[in-house]
Amino acid sequence: MKNKLLHKSIITLILASLTVLSAISSAATSTDIDATTTAFDEGIPSRTRVNTSQPFGSSLFSGNFSAQQNTGLDPNYIITPGDTVSLHIWGAIQADETTSVDAQGNIFLPEIGAVKVAGSPASALPNLVRGKLRGVYKDGVDVYVNLVTATPINVFVTGYVKKPGQYSGMQTDSVLSFLHKSGGILQNQGSYRDIRIMRQGKTIGNVDLYAFLRWGQLPRLSFKSGDTILVNTQKSTINVMGDARGNYSFELKQPNGLGRELMTMARPNPSVTNVALTGSRNRVPWSVYLGLGKFSSTVLRDGDTVRFTTDATPSTMDISVEGSHLGNSFFAAKKGTRLQELLDYIAISPDEADINNIYIKRKSVALRQKKNLNDTIDRLERSVLTSPAKSDSEASIRQQEASLLSAFIKNARKVEPDGRVVVSENGVVANIRLEDGDIIVIPFRSDVITISGEVNIPQALVYAQNAAVSDYIARSGGYTERAEKQKIIIRKPNGQVLISTNTVLQPGDEILIYPKVDTKNLQFTKDIVTIIFQIAAASAAIGII
């Protein structure tokens, strides 16, 4: 009987907690924080994060232009046997027919004879036919001739491509079209800079796709059936990371290259001052930290990793403003600027802005909040996994508890704290030193009190000066059966969170009623409550229903 009551208690608690967490998580503000750490080896900085640079040009074959067909013929298309020609002659002689270019490369004109057209561009076809007619009939005859269809060709695509094989196309199709049909170049294996076009065993053209990617240059080739496109082995590559516009893996044209050549492709940002270069020399790990000028003449080798960095200490910091304000929402403030100094430059509307409840969202605080939350979640997870069972029935209960708690833990890990720093209280705003990336939030004035959670009618009510917490709860239909009546959370517009039943309310306050937890029967309920309270204090939740 005791186990059944315990089981019922934990199921109620976890389901209520999941409801709470789901609402808080959905309302939480995501914080973009780069938590990557930096290691230093003999004064040379390098990120611990593994390089995942994509090859430069890897997105070239991600489109679907292979499914697109050219409905018009290229005027430079070279006529070949098998092509279809539409012929219309009027005047002294008449003809209206469609003919094909024969094996000798001719078309036949009535009462005129054969006309050699194979090997000529499609744009020259009308003049060829008209010239033949003028040789017999000086006047009184005219002609309209047009190339209707072209004979498809078959080209082999092989080497380091995803799907080597034979592909159909037109002689005027680009090498990109055939490469795309073959699935594109194999990542980290095939070369973008060494592609050969072969005919009867001889190379008739070379393609460097970097020329197309950087300047739009692509050799104009006329393919024939039986031609082969060969993608050779990838040449030396250099991985680029850090403060550059192109964080890719770049392929060199030669086995080695100079830093200046890489910079023309990677395009480091104007603020870059130094380069961390790592790789191997003579099969021994090697690294060096160079100024940008020295790096330009440094020899790069296959497998090197280049990280562009900015070592100059910035004299300014970026500060953003959210909420009720006028004018700029971004400021570049000097290092050491304090809150009050910057507030003098922020225009507001006194009727709309609640300047007595200003707060700050700070990245460093959000990191600590996230760590504390994860520590509590980890402790809860260990408690669940190591909780002993004395009987088969209790083991079954533990299994059900673990299943429910896993969903709770999964949702809890998704919550991203916004790093709220309470800087105002009782109308006084603390003049704290600002940090780079701080977001100053000026709330809008509010005349309502929001009640949510374990009340029968969650709602927003107009603020009444003499009303107490219990009055608002009563007007919301009273507590539900599972409500925690002794620990009511009051969240202030300035971000402050209080646990009280007799707090003096102010306009804009939120009343949050959480489910009651029976800590006597459940060992790890305290961790669940702690997690819920941490999320309530650290995230931008509106309510818990």
Protein backbone atom coordinates (compact mmCIF):
# COMPACT_ATOMS: atom_id res chain seq x y z
CA MET A 1 0.00 0.00 0.00
CA LYS A 2 2.85 2.34 0.88
CA ASN A 3 4.54 1.72 -2.49
CA LYS A 4 1.29 2.46 -4.32
CA LEU A 5 0.88 5.78 -2.51
CA LEU A 6 4.52 6.60 -3.20
CA HIS A 7 4.10 5.70 -6.86
CA LYS A 8 1.00 7.89 -7.16
CA SER A 9 2.81 10.77 -5.48
CA ILE A 10 5.82 10.63 -7.77
CA ILE A 11 3.72 10.28 -10.94
CA THR A 12 1.70 13.38 -9.95
CA LEU A 13 4.87 15.31 -9.17
CA ILE A 14 6.70 14.41 -12.38
CA LEU A 15 3.73 15.08 -14.65
CA ALA A 16 3.22 18.45 -12.97
CA SER A 17 6.92 19.20 -13.29
CA LEU A 18 6.88 18.31 -16.97
CA THR A 19 4.00 20.74 -17.50
CA VAL A 20 5.88 23.46 -15.63
CA LEU A 21 9.14 22.83 -17.46
CA SER A 22 7.56 22.67 -20.90
CA ALA A 23 5.98 26.10 -20.50
CA ILE A 24 9.09 27.67 -19.01
CA SER A 25 11.34 26.14 -21.66
CA SER A 26 9.13 27.36 -24.52
CA ALA A 27 9.23 30.91 -23.15
CA ALA A 28 12.93 30.95 -22.37
CA THR A 29 15.16 33.30 -24.34
CA SER A 30 17.98 31.64 -26.19
CA THR A 31 21.42 33.11 -25.46
CA ASP A 32 24.07 32.92 -28.15
CA ILE A 33 27.20 32.12 -26.20
CA ASP A 34 30.42 30.69 -27.53
CA ALA A 35 31.58 28.51 -24.67
CA THR A 36 34.56 27.12 -26.57
CA THR A 37 37.67 27.18 -24.42
CA THR A 38 41.10 28.24 -25.56
CA ALA A 39 44.27 26.34 -24.78
CA PHE A 40 47.79 27.79 -24.77
CA ASP A 41 50.85 25.77 -25.63
CA GLU A 42 54.10 27.69 -25.27
CA GLY A 43 52.30 30.96 -25.90
CA ILE A 44 50.57 29.74 -29.07
CA PRO A 45 46.74 29.84 -28.80
CA SER A 46 44.71 27.05 -30.33
CA ARG A 47 41.06 26.05 -29.94
CA THR A 48 40.31 22.70 -28.40
CA ARG A 49 37.37 22.32 -30.75
CA VAL A 50 37.98 19.90 -33.63
CA ASN A 51 38.13 21.54 -37.05
CA THR A 52 35.10 20.77 -39.16
CA SER A 53 35.85 23.06 -42.12
CA GLN A 54 34.05 22.14 -45.32
CA PRO A 55 36.00 22.17 -48.60
CA PHE A 56 35.78 25.48 -50.40
CA GLY A 57 33.16 24.98 -53.12
CA SER A 58 31.46 22.01 -51.45
CA SER A 59 28.05 23.67 -51.89
CA LEU A 60 28.58 23.89 -55.65
CA PHE A 61 26.80 20.58 -56.24
CA SER A 62 24.05 21.01 -53.63
CA GLY A 63 21.54 22.56 -56.08
CA ASN A 64 19.27 20.69 -58.46
CA PHE A 65 20.30 22.19 -61.78
CA SER A 66 20.90 18.66 -63.06
CA ALA A 67 17.11 18.31 -63.18
CA GLN A 68 16.79 21.43 -65.32
CA GLN A 69 16.81 21.03 -69.09
CA ASN A 70 17.81 23.60 -71.65
CA THR A 71 14.86 24.10 -73.98
CA GLY A 72 16.83 26.20 -76.47
CA LEU A 73 19.82 25.32 -78.62
CA ASP A 74 23.09 27.12 -78.16
CA PRO A 75 23.93 29.12 -81.36
CA ASN A 76 27.50 27.86 -80.95
CA TYR A 77 26.35 24.25 -80.98
CA ILE A 78 28.33 22.28 -83.57
CA ILE A 79 26.06 20.38 -85.92
CA THR A 80 26.67 16.62 -86.01
CA PRO A 81 25.18 13.65 -87.92
CA GLY A 82 21.77 12.72 -86.53
CA ASP A 83 20.66 16.31 -85.78
CA THR A 84 17.20 17.28 -87.04
CA VAL A 85 16.72 20.31 -89.29
CA SER A 86 13.45 22.07 -90.22
CA LEU A 87 13.48 23.32 -93.84
CA HIS A 88 11.04 25.77 -95.53
CA ILE A 89 11.68 26.94 -99.14
CA TRP A 90 9.34 29.12 -101.18
CA GLY A 91 9.41 30.89 -104.52
CA ALA A 92 10.74 29.23 -107.70
CA ILE A 93 10.85 25.95 -105.79
CA GLN A 94 8.91 24.97 -102.73
CA ALA A 95 9.67 22.61 -99.87
CA ASP A 96 8.37 22.16 -96.34
CA GLU A 97 9.94 19.27 -94.55
CA THR A 98 12.02 18.07 -91.63
CA THR A 99 15.22 16.25 -92.43
CA SER A 100 18.18 14.78 -90.58
CA VAL A 101 21.89 15.28 -91.01
CA ASP A 102 23.14 12.05 -92.62
CA ALA A 103 26.24 10.05 -91.76
CA GLN A 104 28.30 12.12 -94.23
CA GLY A 105 27.24 15.32 -92.47
CA ASN A 106 24.88 16.50 -95.25
CA ILE A 107 21.24 17.51 -95.59
CA PHE A 108 19.44 17.19 -98.93
CA LEU A 109 17.72 20.14 -100.65
CA PRO A 110 15.05 19.31 -103.27
CA GLU A 111 16.30 20.01 -106.84
CA ILE A 112 19.55 21.34 -105.37
CA GLY A 113 21.38 18.44 -103.83
CA ALA A 114 23.46 17.82 -100.72
CA VAL A 115 24.66 20.61 -98.43
CA LYS A 116 27.53 19.98 -96.02
CA VAL A 117 26.44 21.25 -92.57
CA ALA A 118 28.18 18.95 -90.04
CA GLY A 119 31.00 20.67 -88.18
CA SER A 120 29.43 24.12 -88.54
CA PRO A 121 27.82 26.05 -85.67
CA ALA A 122 24.02 26.16 -85.51
CA SER A 123 24.08 29.92 -86.11
CA ALA A 124 25.73 29.37 -89.54
CA LEU A 125 23.10 26.92 -90.80
CA PRO A 126 20.77 29.49 -92.50
CA ASN A 127 23.65 31.07 -94.45
CA LEU A 128 24.98 27.68 -95.58
CA VAL A 129 21.62 26.65 -97.03
CA ARG A 130 20.87 30.10 -98.49
CA GLY A 131 24.30 30.21 -100.15
CA LYS A 132 23.68 26.83 -101.81
CA LEU A 133 20.31 28.02 -103.14
CA ARG A 134 21.78 31.28 -104.49
CA GLY A 135 24.31 29.23 -106.46
CA VAL A 136 21.43 27.80 -108.54
CA TYR A 137 18.64 30.39 -108.24
CA LYS A 138 19.73 34.01 -108.32
CA ASP A 139 16.25 35.42 -107.61
CA GLY A 140 12.73 34.35 -106.74
CA VAL A 141 13.55 31.89 -103.99
CA ASP A 142 14.00 32.22 -100.26
CA VAL A 143 14.53 29.84 -97.40
CA TYR A 144 13.97 29.47 -93.64
CA VAL A 145 16.00 26.78 -91.95
CA ASN A 146 16.31 25.95 -88.26
CA LEU A 147 18.03 23.33 -86.13
CA VAL A 148 15.17 21.61 -84.30
CA THR A 149 16.84 18.97 -82.15
CA ALA A 150 20.42 18.12 -81.35
CA THR A 151 21.83 14.65 -80.97
CA PRO A 152 22.59 13.75 -77.34
CA ILE A 153 26.09 12.65 -76.46
CA ASN A 154 27.40 10.29 -73.81
CA VAL A 155 30.27 11.40 -71.58
CA PHE A 156 32.10 9.31 -68.99
CA VAL A 157 32.66 10.86 -65.56
CA THR A 158 35.17 9.09 -63.35
CA GLY A 159 37.80 9.61 -60.67
CA TYR A 160 36.88 10.99 -57.26
CA VAL A 161 33.17 11.57 -57.82
CA LYS A 162 30.25 10.09 -55.91
CA LYS A 163 28.71 8.15 -58.81
CA PRO A 164 31.20 7.42 -61.60
CA GLY A 165 29.61 6.33 -64.88
CA GLN A 166 28.31 7.36 -68.29
CA TYR A 167 25.93 10.31 -68.51
CA SER A 168 23.93 11.77 -71.38
CA GLY A 169 23.93 15.44 -72.27
CA MET A 170 24.54 17.94 -75.02
CA GLN A 171 27.88 18.81 -76.54
CA THR A 172 27.48 22.38 -75.26
CA ASP A 173 26.74 21.32 -71.67
CA SER A 174 29.27 22.57 -69.13
CA VAL A 175 31.61 20.35 -67.18
CA LEU A 176 29.61 21.38 -64.07
CA SER A 177 26.49 19.79 -65.52
CA PHE A 178 28.15 16.41 -65.99
CA LEU A 179 29.86 16.59 -62.57
CA HIS A 180 26.52 17.36 -60.96
CA LYS A 181 24.90 14.37 -62.66
CA SER A 182 27.62 12.18 -61.15
CA GLY A 183 26.78 13.41 -57.64
CA GLY A 184 29.60 15.91 -57.35
CA ILE A 185 33.19 15.67 -56.17
CA LEU A 186 33.95 13.43 -53.18
CA GLN A 187 34.61 15.54 -50.12
CA ASN A 188 38.21 15.50 -48.86
CA GLN A 189 39.19 13.12 -51.70
CA GLY A 190 38.57 14.71 -55.08
CA SER A 191 40.28 17.78 -56.48
CA TYR A 192 38.43 20.96 -57.36
CA ARG A 193 41.55 22.26 -59.07
CA ASP A 194 42.73 19.33 -61.20
CA ILE A 195 39.95 18.09 -63.50
CA ARG A 196 40.95 16.73 -66.92
CA ILE A 197 38.84 16.43 -70.09
CA MET A 198 40.09 13.49 -72.17
CA ARG A 199 39.33 12.42 -75.74
CA GLN A 200 40.70 9.16 -77.13
CA GLY A 201 43.23 8.97 -74.31
CA LYS A 202 44.56 12.51 -74.76
CA THR A 203 43.92 15.52 -72.53
CA ILE A 204 42.05 18.24 -74.45
CA GLY A 205 41.33 20.54 -71.52
CA ASN A 206 41.94 21.25 -67.83
CA VAL A 207 39.41 22.74 -65.43
CA ASP A 208 40.14 24.61 -62.18
CA LEU A 209 36.82 25.15 -60.42
CA TYR A 210 38.39 27.77 -58.13
CA ALA A 211 38.55 30.07 -61.18
CA PHE A 212 34.78 29.63 -61.54
CA LEU A 213 34.08 30.00 -57.80
CA ARG A 214 36.18 33.14 -57.45
CA TRP A 215 35.87 34.91 -60.80
CA GLY A 216 33.14 33.08 -62.74
CA GLN A 217 35.59 31.73 -65.29
CA LEU A 218 34.86 28.30 -66.82
CA PRO A 219 36.55 26.90 -69.97
CA ARG A 220 34.17 26.61 -72.90
CA LEU A 221 34.44 23.06 -74.15
CA SER A 222 32.53 21.23 -76.87
CA PHE A 223 32.03 17.63 -75.78
CA LYS A 224 31.77 14.61 -78.04
CA SER A 225 30.42 11.14 -77.34
CA GLY A 226 33.08 9.05 -75.63
CA ASP A 227 34.81 11.98 -73.91
CA THR A 228 35.93 11.41 -70.31
CA ILE A 229 35.89 13.83 -67.37
CA LEU A 230 38.50 12.72 -64.83
CA VAL A 231 38.53 14.20 -61.32
CA ASN A 232 42.01 13.69 -59.92
CA THR A 233 43.15 13.23 -56.31
CA GLN A 234 42.79 16.20 -54.01
CA LYS A 235 45.95 18.26 -53.76
CA SER A 236 47.43 19.88 -50.63
CA THR A 237 44.78 21.46 -48.41
CA ILE A 238 44.90 24.16 -45.74
CA ASN A 239 42.20 24.45 -43.07
CA VAL A 240 41.17 28.02 -42.23
CA MET A 241 39.50 29.00 -38.97
CA GLY A 242 39.00 32.10 -36.85
CA ASP A 243 38.39 35.69 -37.95
CA ALA A 244 38.09 35.16 -41.70
CA ARG A 245 35.23 35.47 -44.16
CA GLY A 246 35.98 32.04 -45.56
CA ASN A 247 36.29 29.33 -42.91
CA TYR A 248 36.86 26.47 -45.34
CA SER A 249 39.42 23.88 -46.30
CA PHE A 250 41.26 25.40 -49.27
CA GLU A 251 43.07 23.36 -51.91
CA LEU A 252 46.41 24.58 -53.21
CA LYS A 253 47.33 24.47 -56.88
CA GLN A 254 50.87 23.33 -56.00
CA PRO A 255 52.16 21.03 -53.20
CA ASN A 256 53.11 24.11 -51.15
CA GLY A 257 51.87 27.69 -51.09
CA LEU A 258 52.51 31.04 -49.46
CA GLY A 259 50.42 32.67 -46.79
CA ARG A 260 49.55 35.60 -49.06
CA GLU A 261 47.99 33.21 -51.58
CA LEU A 262 45.77 31.74 -48.89
CA MET A 263 44.74 35.19 -47.65
CA THR A 264 43.41 36.12 -51.10
CA MET A 265 41.03 33.15 -50.85
CA ALA A 266 40.20 33.12 -47.11
CA ARG A 267 39.94 36.93 -46.83
CA PRO A 268 40.73 37.55 -43.14
CA ASN A 269 38.76 40.31 -41.44
CA PRO A 270 40.35 43.79 -41.31
CA SER A 271 40.80 43.49 -37.53
CA VAL A 272 43.11 40.44 -37.79
CA THR A 273 46.60 40.99 -36.39
CA ASN A 274 48.07 37.51 -35.93
CA VAL A 275 47.95 33.96 -37.25
CA ALA A 276 48.25 30.69 -35.32
CA LEU A 277 49.71 28.15 -37.74
CA THR A 278 49.81 24.46 -36.81
CA GLY A 279 50.76 21.35 -38.74
CA SER A 280 53.68 18.97 -39.01
CA ARG A 281 57.20 19.27 -40.38
CA ASN A 282 59.27 16.15 -41.00
CA ARG A 283 56.43 14.13 -39.37
CA VAL A 284 56.85 16.07 -36.12
CA PRO A 285 54.03 18.27 -34.72
CA TRP A 286 54.83 21.92 -35.38
CA SER A 287 53.22 25.24 -34.53
CA VAL A 288 54.07 28.92 -34.71
CA TYR A 289 52.41 32.22 -33.85
CA LEU A 290 53.03 34.94 -36.42
CA GLY A 291 52.12 38.50 -37.21
CA LEU A 292 50.03 38.96 -40.32
CA GLY A 293 52.95 40.45 -42.28
CA LYS A 294 55.29 37.59 -41.48
CA PHE A 295 52.61 35.03 -42.28
CA SER A 296 52.19 36.36 -45.83
CA SER A 297 55.66 35.05 -46.79
CA THR A 298 55.43 31.81 -44.79
CA VAL A 299 55.36 28.52 -46.72
CA LEU A 300 52.22 26.43 -46.11
CA ARG A 301 52.10 22.67 -46.48
CA ASP A 302 49.47 19.99 -46.82
CA GLY A 303 47.38 19.54 -43.67
CA ASP A 304 48.28 22.87 -42.06
CA THR A 305 45.62 24.66 -40.00
CA VAL A 306 45.52 28.44 -40.02
CA ARG A 307 43.62 30.42 -37.39
CA PHE A 308 43.33 34.15 -37.94
CA THR A 309 43.12 36.03 -34.64
CA THR A 310 42.79 39.57 -33.33
CA ASP A 311 45.13 40.17 -30.42
CA ALA A 312 44.74 43.92 -30.13
CA THR A 313 42.69 44.69 -27.01
CA PRO A 314 39.53 46.47 -28.11
CA SER A 315 38.93 49.84 -26.48
CA THR A 316 35.16 49.57 -26.79
CA MET A 317 32.46 47.09 -25.91
CA ASP A 318 29.10 46.33 -27.51
CA ILE A 319 26.02 47.12 -25.45
CA SER A 320 22.44 46.49 -26.61
CA VAL A 321 19.17 47.95 -25.37
CA GLU A 322 15.82 46.15 -25.35
CA GLY A 323 12.32 46.98 -24.20
CA SER A 324 10.77 50.44 -23.95
CA HIS A 325 13.21 52.96 -25.42
CA LEU A 326 13.51 55.42 -28.27
CA GLY A 327 16.28 55.70 -30.83
CA ASN A 328 19.37 53.51 -30.92
CA SER A 329 19.28 49.92 -29.68
CA PHE A 330 23.05 49.43 -29.97
CA PHE A 331 25.90 51.37 -28.38
CA ALA A 332 29.69 51.10 -28.64
CA ALA A 333 30.79 52.13 -25.16
CA LYS A 334 34.28 52.62 -23.80
CA LYS A 335 35.75 49.96 -21.57
CA GLY A 336 34.87 50.68 -17.96
CA THR A 337 31.60 52.47 -18.75
CA ARG A 338 29.01 52.18 -15.97
CA LEU A 339 25.27 51.70 -16.29
CA GLN A 340 24.23 55.17 -15.20
CA GLU A 341 26.62 56.80 -17.66
CA LEU A 342 25.08 54.92 -20.58
CA LEU A 343 21.49 55.44 -19.42
CA ASP A 344 22.01 59.18 -19.92
CA TYR A 345 22.27 58.51 -23.67
CA ILE A 346 19.17 56.30 -23.93
CA ALA A 347 15.99 58.16 -24.85
CA ILE A 348 12.73 56.91 -23.33
CA SER A 349 9.08 57.83 -23.08
CA PRO A 350 8.33 58.43 -19.35
CA ASP A 351 4.74 57.31 -19.84
CA GLU A 352 5.76 53.95 -21.30
CA ALA A 353 9.13 52.99 -19.81
CA ASP A 354 9.39 51.48 -16.33
CA ILE A 355 12.79 52.99 -15.51
CA ASN A 356 12.60 51.83 -11.88
CA ASN A 357 12.78 48.16 -12.91
CA ILE A 358 15.70 48.11 -15.30
CA TYR A 359 17.72 44.90 -15.42
CA ILE A 360 20.63 43.49 -17.42
CA LYS A 361 21.04 40.23 -19.35
CA ARG A 362 24.70 39.17 -19.14
CA LYS A 363 26.44 36.32 -20.96
CA SER A 364 28.84 35.45 -18.13
CA VAL A 365 25.94 35.14 -15.68
CA ALA A 366 24.00 32.99 -18.16
CA LEU A 367 26.98 30.63 -18.35
CA ARG A 368 27.09 30.24 -14.58
CA GLN A 369 23.32 29.73 -14.40
CA LYS A 370 23.52 27.07 -17.08
CA LYS A 371 26.35 25.30 -15.23
CA ASN A 372 24.46 25.36 -11.93
CA LEU A 373 21.34 24.03 -13.65
CA ASN A 374 23.28 21.23 -15.34
CA ASP A 375 24.94 20.29 -12.03
CA THR A 376 21.53 19.91 -10.39
CA ILE A 377 20.20 17.92 -13.35
CA ASP A 378 23.25 15.62 -13.23
CA ARG A 379 22.71 15.03 -9.52
CA LEU A 380 19.06 14.19 -10.13
CA GLU A 381 20.00 11.82 -12.93
CA ARG A 382 22.50 9.99 -10.71
CA SER A 383 19.90 9.71 -7.95
CA VAL A 384 17.41 8.12 -10.33
CA LEU A 385 19.89 5.65 -11.82
CA THR A 386 21.33 4.56 -8.47
CA SER A 387 18.06 4.35 -6.53
CA PRO A 388 17.82 0.77 -5.12
CA ALA A 389 14.75 -1.46 -5.31
CA LYS A 390 13.93 -3.93 -2.52
CA SER A 391 11.34 -5.98 -4.44
CA ASP A 392 10.07 -6.73 -7.91
CA SER A 393 7.08 -4.44 -7.48
CA GLU A 394 9.29 -1.61 -6.32
CA ALA A 395 11.64 -2.23 -9.27
CA SER A 396 8.67 -1.83 -11.62
CA ILE A 397 7.77 1.46 -9.92
CA ARG A 398 11.37 2.67 -10.21
CA GLN A 399 11.35 1.85 -13.92
CA GLN A 400 8.23 3.92 -14.50
CA GLU A 401 9.67 6.77 -12.44
CA ALA A 402 12.90 6.69 -14.45
CA SER A 403 10.98 6.83 -17.74
CA LEU A 404 9.02 9.90 -16.67
CA LEU A 405 12.05 11.61 -15.18
CA SER A 406 14.07 11.08 -18.35
CA ALA A 407 11.54 13.23 -20.22
CA PHE A 408 11.73 15.86 -17.48
CA ILE A 409 15.55 15.85 -17.60
CA LYS A 410 15.59 16.04 -21.41
CA ASN A 411 13.39 19.14 -21.39
CA ALA A 412 15.32 20.72 -18.51
CA ARG A 413 18.59 20.48 -20.44
CA LYS A 414 17.08 22.48 -23.31
CA VAL A 415 16.48 25.54 -21.15
CA GLU A 416 18.90 28.39 -21.86
CA PRO A 417 19.15 30.94 -19.01
CA ASP A 418 19.23 34.58 -20.09
CA GLY A 419 21.66 35.71 -17.36
CA ARG A 420 19.43 38.27 -15.63
CA VAL A 421 21.22 40.65 -13.31
CA VAL A 422 18.96 42.56 -10.88
CA VAL A 423 20.31 46.12 -10.83
CA SER A 424 17.25 48.05 -9.59
CA GLU A 425 15.29 47.86 -6.35
CA ASN A 426 12.84 50.28 -4.75
CA GLY A 427 13.41 52.76 -7.56
CA VAL A 428 17.19 52.84 -7.14
CA VAL A 429 19.34 51.66 -10.07
CA ALA A 430 22.81 50.38 -9.18
CA ASN A 431 25.64 52.02 -11.12
CA ILE A 432 27.44 48.78 -11.96
CA ARG A 433 30.29 48.39 -14.43
CA LEU A 434 29.07 47.09 -17.80
CA GLU A 435 30.54 44.09 -19.64
CA ASP A 436 30.95 43.50 -23.37
CA GLY A 437 27.75 42.00 -24.76
CA ASP A 438 25.47 43.22 -21.95
CA ILE A 439 21.82 43.79 -22.85
CA ILE A 440 20.08 46.55 -20.90
CA VAL A 441 16.36 45.82 -20.61
CA ILE A 442 13.94 48.65 -19.86
CA PRO A 443 10.53 47.05 -19.16
CA PHE A 444 7.30 48.56 -20.42
CA ARG A 445 5.03 49.97 -17.74
CA SER A 446 2.31 47.53 -16.76
CA ASP A 447 -0.92 47.93 -14.82
CA VAL A 448 -1.66 44.23 -14.40
CA ILE A 449 -0.75 41.34 -12.12
CA THR A 450 -0.28 37.97 -13.85
CA ILE A 451 -1.36 34.80 -11.98
CA SER A 452 -0.41 31.40 -13.40
CA GLY A 453 0.37 27.85 -12.37
CA GLU A 454 -1.68 25.87 -9.88
CA VAL A 455 -4.77 28.11 -9.80
CA ASN A 456 -8.12 27.24 -11.27
CA ILE A 457 -8.31 30.26 -13.60
CA PRO A 458 -4.85 31.54 -14.62
CA GLN A 459 -5.23 35.10 -15.85
CA ALA A 460 -4.00 38.71 -15.75
CA LEU A 461 -5.83 41.09 -13.41
CA VAL A 462 -5.70 44.86 -13.10
CA TYR A 463 -3.44 45.98 -10.26
CA ALA A 464 -5.25 47.07 -7.10
CA GLN A 465 -3.18 48.98 -4.54
CA ASN A 466 -4.69 47.40 -1.44
CA ALA A 467 -4.97 43.85 -2.77
CA ALA A 468 -2.75 41.12 -1.31
CA VAL A 469 -1.39 37.96 -2.93
CA SER A 470 -4.26 35.93 -1.51
CA ASP A 471 -6.79 38.33 -3.05
CA TYR A 472 -5.43 37.79 -6.56
CA ILE A 473 -5.37 34.02 -6.05
CA ALA A 474 -8.96 34.09 -4.84
CA ARG A 475 -10.00 36.10 -7.89
CA SER A 476 -8.32 33.42 -10.04
CA GLY A 477 -10.58 30.68 -8.68
CA GLY A 478 -8.33 29.67 -5.79
CA TYR A 479 -5.68 26.99 -5.55
CA THR A 480 -5.87 23.63 -7.29
CA GLU A 481 -5.60 20.47 -5.18
CA ARG A 482 -1.89 20.04 -5.85
CA ALA A 483 -0.83 23.67 -5.29
CA GLU A 484 2.05 24.58 -3.00
CA LYS A 485 0.44 27.22 -0.77
CA GLN A 486 3.42 27.94 1.47
CA LYS A 487 6.02 28.78 -1.22
CA ILE A 488 4.54 31.21 -3.70
CA ILE A 489 6.95 32.68 -6.24
CA ILE A 490 6.70 36.38 -7.00
CA ARG A 491 8.68 37.60 -9.98
CA LYS A 492 9.29 41.33 -10.21
CA PRO A 493 9.60 43.31 -13.46
CA ASN A 494 13.27 43.94 -12.58
CA GLY A 495 13.98 40.18 -12.79
CA GLN A 496 14.05 39.58 -9.04
CA VAL A 497 12.41 36.36 -7.83
CA LEU A 498 10.96 36.09 -4.31
CA ILE A 499 9.40 33.18 -2.41
CA SER A 500 6.75 34.62 -0.13
CA THR A 501 3.05 34.65 0.66
CA ASN A 502 2.86 38.22 1.98
CA THR A 503 4.97 40.23 -0.47
CA VAL A 504 3.69 43.71 -1.21
CA LEU A 505 2.80 43.56 -4.88
CA GLN A 506 3.60 46.20 -7.49
CA PRO A 507 2.21 46.67 -11.01
CA GLY A 508 3.79 44.19 -13.45
CA ASP A 509 4.45 41.49 -10.84
CA GLU A 510 3.89 37.83 -11.68
CA ILE A 511 2.47 35.31 -9.19
CA LEU A 512 3.61 31.73 -9.91
CA ILE A 513 2.00 28.83 -8.04
CA TYR A 514 4.00 25.60 -8.26
CA PRO A 515 2.85 22.05 -7.51
CA LYS A 516 3.32 20.78 -3.98
CA VAL A 517 6.10 18.28 -3.46
CA ASP A 518 6.03 15.53 -0.82
CA THR A 519 9.71 15.42 0.14
CA LYS A 520 9.11 12.84 2.86
CA ASN A 521 8.31 10.02 0.46
CA LEU A 522 10.60 10.86 -2.44
CA GLN A 523 14.35 11.18 -2.05
CA PHE A 524 15.05 13.22 -5.17
CA THR A 525 12.06 15.59 -5.16
CA LYS A 526 14.24 18.34 -3.72
CA ASP A 527 16.35 18.28 -6.87
CA ILE A 528 13.22 18.57 -9.04
CA VAL A 529 12.02 21.56 -7.04
CA THR A 530 15.48 23.14 -7.21
CA ILE A 531 15.56 22.73 -10.99
CA ILE A 532 12.13 24.30 -11.39
CA PHE A 533 13.05 27.25 -9.15
CA GLN A 534 16.37 27.74 -10.98
CA ILE A 535 14.57 27.84 -14.32
CA ALA A 536 11.97 30.26 -12.98
CA ALA A 537 14.71 32.62 -11.80
CA ALA A 538 17.04 32.25 -14.78
CA SER A 539 14.77 32.20 -17.84
CA ALA A 540 12.30 34.61 -19.38
CA ALA A 541 9.20 32.56 -18.58
CA ILE A 542 5.80 34.25 -18.70
CA GLY A 543 3.90 31.54 -16.89
CA ILE A 544 4.01 27.87 -16.03
CA ILE A 545 0.86 26.52 -17.62
